[in-house]
Protein backbone atom coordinates (compact mmCIF):
# COMPACT_ATOMS: atom_id res chain seq x y z
CA UNK A 1 16.86 36.09 -75.80
CA UNK A 2 20.29 37.70 -75.76
CA UNK A 3 22.61 37.00 -72.86
CA UNK A 4 22.57 40.63 -71.72
CA UNK A 5 18.76 40.77 -71.82
CA UNK A 6 18.56 37.48 -69.94
CA UNK A 7 20.92 38.90 -67.29
CA UNK A 8 18.84 42.09 -66.98
CA UNK A 9 15.70 39.99 -66.37
CA UNK A 10 17.51 37.91 -63.79
CA UNK A 11 18.92 40.93 -61.95
CA UNK A 12 15.52 42.62 -61.87
CA UNK A 13 13.95 39.60 -60.14
CA UNK A 14 13.17 39.62 -56.42
CA UNK A 15 16.29 39.90 -54.27
CA UNK A 16 15.15 36.78 -52.33
CA UNK A 17 15.79 34.76 -55.47
CA UNK A 18 19.39 35.96 -55.95
CA UNK A 19 21.88 33.17 -55.44
CA UNK A 20 24.06 35.32 -53.17
CA UNK A 21 21.02 36.04 -50.99
CA UNK A 22 20.24 32.33 -50.68
CA UNK A 23 23.86 31.51 -49.79
CA UNK A 24 23.87 34.30 -47.20
CA UNK A 25 20.60 33.07 -45.63
CA UNK A 26 21.95 29.52 -45.42
CA UNK A 27 25.17 30.78 -43.82
CA UNK A 28 23.21 32.90 -41.32
CA UNK A 29 21.00 29.93 -40.36
CA UNK A 30 24.06 27.72 -39.92
CA UNK A 31 25.85 30.29 -37.76
CA UNK A 32 22.74 30.96 -35.65
CA UNK A 33 22.39 27.24 -34.96
CA UNK A 34 26.05 26.75 -34.07
CA UNK A 35 26.15 29.87 -31.89
CA UNK A 36 23.03 28.72 -30.03
CA UNK A 37 24.48 25.25 -29.39
CA UNK A 38 27.94 26.55 -28.48
CA UNK A 39 26.57 29.18 -26.11
CA UNK A 40 25.39 26.33 -23.83
CA UNK A 41 29.06 25.31 -23.53
CA UNK A 42 30.27 28.86 -22.91
CA UNK A 43 31.97 28.99 -26.31
CA UNK A 44 31.87 31.43 -29.19
CA UNK A 45 32.12 30.16 -32.74
CA UNK A 46 35.73 31.40 -32.92
CA UNK A 47 36.66 29.62 -29.69
CA UNK A 48 35.08 26.39 -30.94
CA UNK A 49 36.97 26.71 -34.23
CA UNK A 50 40.23 27.22 -32.29
CA UNK A 51 39.58 24.07 -30.25
CA UNK A 52 38.76 22.13 -33.41
CA UNK A 53 41.87 23.40 -35.23
CA UNK A 54 44.13 22.55 -32.30
CA UNK A 55 42.62 19.08 -31.94
CA UNK A 56 43.31 18.35 -35.60
CA UNK A 57 46.55 20.24 -36.16
CA UNK A 58 48.34 20.08 -32.82
CA UNK A 59 50.10 23.18 -31.54
CA UNK A 60 49.62 26.32 -33.59
CA UNK A 61 50.68 29.95 -33.38
CA UNK A 62 48.19 32.77 -32.99
CA UNK A 63 48.82 33.81 -36.60
CA UNK A 64 48.08 30.29 -37.85
CA UNK A 65 44.91 30.13 -35.81
CA UNK A 66 43.81 33.58 -36.99
CA UNK A 67 44.13 32.45 -40.61
CA UNK A 68 42.37 29.18 -39.85
CA UNK A 69 39.46 30.98 -38.16
CA UNK A 70 39.25 33.92 -40.57
CA UNK A 71 39.87 36.61 -37.95
CA UNK A 72 42.60 39.19 -37.43
CA UNK A 73 45.66 38.41 -35.35
CA UNK A 74 44.58 41.08 -32.87
CA UNK A 75 41.19 39.41 -32.40
CA UNK A 76 42.82 36.01 -32.07
CA UNK A 77 45.17 37.35 -29.41
CA UNK A 78 42.25 38.27 -27.14
CA UNK A 79 40.40 35.00 -27.94
CA UNK A 80 43.47 32.98 -26.95
CA UNK A 81 44.02 34.99 -23.76
CA UNK A 82 40.40 34.33 -22.77
CA UNK A 83 40.69 30.62 -23.57
CA UNK A 84 43.93 30.35 -21.61
CA UNK A 85 42.26 31.98 -18.60
CA UNK A 86 39.44 29.41 -18.84
CA UNK A 87 42.02 26.60 -18.90
CA UNK A 88 41.01 25.41 -22.39
CA UNK A 89 44.44 25.97 -23.95
CA UNK A 90 47.99 26.55 -22.82
CA UNK A 91 50.55 28.69 -24.59
CA UNK A 92 54.29 28.20 -24.54
CA UNK A 93 57.16 29.85 -26.36
CA UNK A 94 57.96 28.26 -29.70
CA UNK A 95 61.21 26.28 -29.75
CA UNK A 96 61.97 28.00 -33.07
CA UNK A 97 61.05 31.63 -32.27
CA UNK A 98 61.03 32.76 -28.64
CA UNK A 99 58.57 35.60 -29.37
CA UNK A 100 56.00 33.25 -30.93
CA UNK A 101 53.56 31.53 -28.60
CA UNK A 102 52.31 28.05 -29.55
CA UNK A 103 48.81 27.17 -28.33
CA UNK A 104 47.86 23.61 -27.48
CA UNK A 105 44.71 22.03 -26.07
CA UNK A 106 44.47 21.17 -22.41
CA UNK A 107 42.61 18.07 -21.25
CA UNK A 108 39.77 20.37 -20.19
CA UNK A 109 39.72 21.98 -23.64
CA UNK A 110 39.62 18.59 -25.37
CA UNK A 111 36.82 17.38 -23.10
CA UNK A 112 34.75 20.51 -23.77
CA UNK A 113 35.35 20.18 -27.52
CA UNK A 114 34.27 16.53 -27.42
CA UNK A 115 30.97 17.43 -25.72
CA UNK A 116 30.24 20.40 -28.01
CA UNK A 117 31.21 18.46 -31.13
CA UNK A 118 28.61 15.80 -30.37
CA UNK A 119 25.89 18.45 -30.55
CA UNK A 120 27.28 20.21 -33.62
CA UNK A 121 27.36 16.93 -35.55
CA UNK A 122 23.61 16.46 -34.98
CA UNK A 123 23.02 19.24 -37.51
CA UNK A 124 25.49 17.68 -39.94
CA UNK A 125 23.60 14.39 -39.78
CA UNK A 126 20.23 16.13 -40.16
CA UNK A 127 21.46 17.99 -43.25
CA UNK A 128 22.96 14.83 -44.73
CA UNK A 129 19.72 12.92 -44.09
CA UNK A 130 17.70 15.67 -45.85
CA UNK A 131 19.24 14.66 -49.20
CA UNK A 132 19.66 11.48 -51.17
CA UNK A 133 23.29 10.41 -51.57
CA UNK A 134 23.36 11.75 -55.14
CA UNK A 135 21.75 15.06 -54.07
CA UNK A 136 24.27 15.35 -51.24
CA UNK A 137 27.19 14.78 -53.62
CA UNK A 138 25.75 17.26 -56.14
CA UNK A 139 25.15 19.90 -53.45
CA UNK A 140 28.71 19.52 -52.15
CA UNK A 141 30.09 19.88 -55.67
CA UNK A 142 27.92 22.92 -56.37
CA UNK A 143 28.91 24.58 -53.10
CA UNK A 144 32.59 23.98 -53.86
CA UNK A 145 32.12 25.53 -57.30
CA UNK A 146 30.28 28.52 -55.80
CA UNK A 147 33.04 28.96 -53.21
CA UNK A 148 35.65 28.92 -55.96
CA UNK A 149 33.79 31.61 -57.92
CA UNK A 150 33.35 33.73 -54.79
CA UNK A 151 37.07 33.48 -53.95
CA UNK A 152 38.01 34.29 -57.54
CA UNK A 153 35.73 37.34 -57.61
CA UNK A 154 37.09 38.50 -54.25
CA UNK A 155 40.66 38.31 -55.55
CA UNK A 156 39.62 40.18 -58.70
CA UNK A 157 37.88 42.91 -56.68
CA UNK A 158 40.99 43.34 -54.51
CA UNK A 159 43.21 44.08 -57.52
């Protein structure tokens, strides 16, 4: 069978069998789980990601956090204002640029992150336990390869 004919047969198959559909379903299931768990802590996924980034990277600007979380700077600005009001972070002027605000975790923010993280890691352990060590390693490698292809195709589509 020629490559083009093989591709036509593959494309004409049920949409549920498309690789992109399977990746999307897995991502939706993951997000639904995390959002459900985080909701009990009064956190959105973006807020949780901010807490996690700050706990690992120390103080960060709104622009850095926006890139880290995959949201716009405008969205991050309102997320950070909300988190500051809740006492989860504090923002202070950067010693380098007075107009740049650096966000850091408060003790309350770190404590909330610690509690939420314990629940989020339950899913990580369950997923890890669902595979043999070699399956886990293979899945991680395949997902990295898929992510690389997706990023490459996104860059190509943007040009």
